[in-house]
Amino acid sequence: IVERSTIKHHKIHITNGTRTLVDQRDRSYRRCLNETVE
């Protein structure tokens, strides 16, 4: 889910009702989070 109206550079991942802001520019963190979520 991408919140364009708020921050273009961030993605909001919803897991178990918890929203986590993820900086798309940080590939390392995103990769780690993606492995956890998926």
PDB file of N, CA and C in Angstrom:
ATOM      1  N   ILE A   1       0.853  -1.198   0.000  1.00  0.00           N
ATOM      2  CA  ILE A   1       0.000   0.000   0.000  1.00  0.00           C
ATOM      3  C   ILE A   1       0.890   1.250   0.000  1.00  0.00           C
ATOM      4  N   VAL A   2       0.692   2.117  -0.958  1.00  0.00           N
ATOM      5  CA  VAL A   2       1.512   3.318  -1.042  1.00  0.00           C
ATOM      6  C   VAL A   2       0.675   4.543  -0.737  1.00  0.00           C
ATOM      7  N   GLU A   3       1.098   5.283   0.287  1.00  0.00           N
ATOM      8  CA  GLU A   3       0.378   6.501   0.647  1.00  0.00           C
ATOM      9  C   GLU A   3       0.968   7.669  -0.120  1.00  0.00           C
ATOM     10  N   ARG A   4       0.429   7.932  -1.305  1.00  0.00           N
ATOM     11  CA  ARG A   4       0.974   9.005  -2.126  1.00  0.00           C
ATOM     12  C   ARG A   4       0.662  10.381  -1.521  1.00  0.00           C
ATOM     13  N   SER A   5      -0.467  10.486  -0.866  1.00  0.00           N
ATOM     14  CA  SER A   5      -0.894  11.779  -0.335  1.00  0.00           C
ATOM     15  C   SER A   5      -0.027  12.209   0.851  1.00  0.00           C
ATOM     16  N   THR A   6       0.646  11.245   1.469  1.00  0.00           N
ATOM     17  CA  THR A   6       1.479  11.592   2.621  1.00  0.00           C
ATOM     18  C   THR A   6       2.939  11.730   2.220  1.00  0.00           C
ATOM     19  N   ILE A   7       3.586  10.612   1.989  1.00  0.00           N
ATOM     20  CA  ILE A   7       5.014  10.656   1.663  1.00  0.00           C
ATOM     21  C   ILE A   7       5.285   9.750   0.459  1.00  0.00           C
ATOM     22  N   LYS A   8       5.785  10.330  -0.610  1.00  0.00           N
ATOM     23  CA  LYS A   8       6.027   9.560  -1.828  1.00  0.00           C
ATOM     24  C   LYS A   8       7.157   8.554  -1.635  1.00  0.00           C
ATOM     25  N   HIS A   9       8.090   8.885  -0.765  1.00  0.00           N
ATOM     26  CA  HIS A   9       9.289   8.068  -0.622  1.00  0.00           C
ATOM     27  C   HIS A   9       9.088   6.909   0.351  1.00  0.00           C
ATOM     28  N   HIS A  10       7.903   6.821   0.935  1.00  0.00           N
ATOM     29  CA  HIS A  10       7.689   5.787   1.930  1.00  0.00           C
ATOM     30  C   HIS A  10       6.555   4.860   1.539  1.00  0.00           C
ATOM     31  N   LYS A  11       6.667   3.642   1.996  1.00  0.00           N
ATOM     32  CA  LYS A  11       5.623   2.654   1.795  1.00  0.00           C
ATOM     33  C   LYS A  11       5.069   2.259   3.159  1.00  0.00           C
ATOM     34  N   ILE A  12       3.794   1.972   3.207  1.00  0.00           N
ATOM     35  CA  ILE A  12       3.221   1.532   4.481  1.00  0.00           C
ATOM     36  C   ILE A  12       2.839   0.059   4.368  1.00  0.00           C
ATOM     37  N   HIS A  13       3.512  -0.764   5.146  1.00  0.00           N
ATOM     38  CA  HIS A  13       3.211  -2.184   5.159  1.00  0.00           C
ATOM     39  C   HIS A  13       2.300  -2.480   6.343  1.00  0.00           C
ATOM     40  N   ILE A  14       1.196  -3.168   6.081  1.00  0.00           N
ATOM     41  CA  ILE A  14       0.277  -3.496   7.172  1.00  0.00           C
ATOM     42  C   ILE A  14       0.404  -4.978   7.518  1.00  0.00           C
ATOM     43  N   THR A  15       0.834  -5.252   8.726  1.00  0.00           N
ATOM     44  CA  THR A  15       0.988  -6.633   9.170  1.00  0.00           C
ATOM     45  C   THR A  15       0.320  -6.800  10.523  1.00  0.00           C
ATOM     46  N   ASN A  16      -0.649  -7.678  10.578  1.00  0.00           N
ATOM     47  CA  ASN A  16      -1.370  -7.931  11.834  1.00  0.00           C
ATOM     48  C   ASN A  16      -1.951  -6.644  12.410  1.00  0.00           C
ATOM     49  N   GLY A  17      -2.416  -5.766  11.522  1.00  0.00           N
ATOM     50  CA  GLY A  17      -3.041  -4.530  11.977  1.00  0.00           C
ATOM     51  C   GLY A  17      -2.037  -3.457  12.372  1.00  0.00           C
ATOM     52  N   THR A  18      -0.746  -3.749  12.186  1.00  0.00           N
ATOM     53  CA  THR A  18       0.279  -2.767  12.542  1.00  0.00           C
ATOM     54  C   THR A  18       0.858  -2.141  11.284  1.00  0.00           C
ATOM     55  N   ARG A  19       0.832  -0.805  11.231  1.00  0.00           N
ATOM     56  CA  ARG A  19       1.352  -0.113  10.066  1.00  0.00           C
ATOM     57  C   ARG A  19       2.826   0.247  10.264  1.00  0.00           C
ATOM     58  N   THR A  20       3.639  -0.152   9.309  1.00  0.00           N
ATOM     59  CA  THR A  20       5.063   0.123   9.408  1.00  0.00           C
ATOM     60  C   THR A  20       5.504   0.969   8.232  1.00  0.00           C
ATOM     61  N   LEU A  21       6.084   2.124   8.534  1.00  0.00           N
ATOM     62  CA  LEU A  21       6.592   2.981   7.471  1.00  0.00           C
ATOM     63  C   LEU A  21       7.948   2.488   7.016  1.00  0.00           C
ATOM     64  N   VAL A  22       8.083   2.273   5.718  1.00  0.00           N
ATOM     65  CA  VAL A  22       9.336   1.759   5.188  1.00  0.00           C
ATOM     66  C   VAL A  22       9.869   2.709   4.128  1.00  0.00           C
ATOM     67  N   ASP A  23      11.103   3.126   4.303  1.00  0.00           N
ATOM     68  CA  ASP A  23      11.726   4.006   3.336  1.00  0.00           C
ATOM     69  C   ASP A  23      12.138   3.194   2.118  1.00  0.00           C
ATOM     70  N   GLN A  24      11.543   3.482   0.982  1.00  0.00           N
ATOM     71  CA  GLN A  24      11.820   2.723  -0.231  1.00  0.00           C
ATOM     72  C   GLN A  24      13.283   2.857  -0.647  1.00  0.00           C
ATOM     73  N   ARG A  25      13.931   3.931  -0.207  1.00  0.00           N
ATOM     74  CA  ARG A  25      15.323   4.148  -0.583  1.00  0.00           C
ATOM     75  C   ARG A  25      16.252   3.232   0.179  1.00  0.00           C
ATOM     76  N   ASP A  26      15.772   2.693   1.292  1.00  0.00           N
ATOM     77  CA  ASP A  26      16.609   1.785   2.076  1.00  0.00           C
ATOM     78  C   ASP A  26      16.307   0.357   1.644  1.00  0.00           C
ATOM     79  N   ARG A  27      17.015  -0.114   0.647  1.00  0.00           N
ATOM     80  CA  ARG A  27      16.729  -1.438   0.085  1.00  0.00           C
ATOM     81  C   ARG A  27      17.037  -2.545   1.071  1.00  0.00           C
ATOM     82  N   SER A  28      18.073  -2.345   1.860  1.00  0.00           N
ATOM     83  CA  SER A  28      18.479  -3.379   2.812  1.00  0.00           C
ATOM     84  C   SER A  28      17.376  -3.629   3.833  1.00  0.00           C
ATOM     85  N   TYR A  29      16.842  -2.530   4.391  1.00  0.00           N
ATOM     86  CA  TYR A  29      15.783  -2.666   5.392  1.00  0.00           C
ATOM     87  C   TYR A  29      14.534  -3.225   4.751  1.00  0.00           C
ATOM     88  N   ARG A  30      14.247  -2.759   3.516  1.00  0.00           N
ATOM     89  CA  ARG A  30      13.055  -3.218   2.827  1.00  0.00           C
ATOM     90  C   ARG A  30      13.152  -4.707   2.560  1.00  0.00           C
ATOM     91  N   ARG A  31      14.336  -5.157   2.159  1.00  0.00           N
ATOM     92  CA  ARG A  31      14.518  -6.567   1.859  1.00  0.00           C
ATOM     93  C   ARG A  31      14.299  -7.398   3.107  1.00  0.00           C
ATOM     94  N   CYS A  32      14.829  -6.917   4.227  1.00  0.00           N
ATOM     95  CA  CYS A  32      14.688  -7.633   5.491  1.00  0.00           C
ATOM     96  C   CYS A  32      13.223  -7.699   5.892  1.00  0.00           C
ATOM     97  N   LEU A  33      12.513  -6.582   5.738  1.00  0.00           N
ATOM     98  CA  LEU A  33      11.107  -6.539   6.112  1.00  0.00           C
ATOM     99  C   LEU A  33      10.280  -7.431   5.190  1.00  0.00           C
ATOM    100  N   ASN A  34      10.598  -7.402   3.902  1.00  0.00           N
ATOM    101  CA  ASN A  34       9.865  -8.217   2.942  1.00  0.00           C
ATOM    102  C   ASN A  34      10.019  -9.698   3.253  1.00  0.00           C
ATOM    103  N   GLU A  35      11.207 -10.095   3.674  1.00  0.00           N
ATOM    104  CA  GLU A  35      11.432 -11.491   4.025  1.00  0.00           C
ATOM    105  C   GLU A  35      10.614 -11.877   5.240  1.00  0.00           C
ATOM    106  N   THR A  36      10.420 -10.906   6.133  1.00  0.00           N
ATOM    107  CA  THR A  36       9.652 -11.188   7.343  1.00  0.00           C
ATOM    108  C   THR A  36       8.161 -11.249   7.038  1.00  0.00           C
ATOM    109  N   VAL A  37       7.693 -10.324   6.199  1.00  0.00           N
ATOM    110  CA  VAL A  37       6.262 -10.233   5.911  1.00  0.00           C
ATOM    111  C   VAL A  37       5.809 -11.353   4.989  1.00  0.00           C
ATOM    112  N   GLU A  38       6.548 -11.543   3.904  1.00  0.00           N
ATOM    113  CA  GLU A  38       6.109 -12.531   2.915  1.00  0.00           C
ATOM    114  C   GLU A  38       6.460 -13.913   3.408  1.00  0.00           C
TER     115      GLU A  38
END
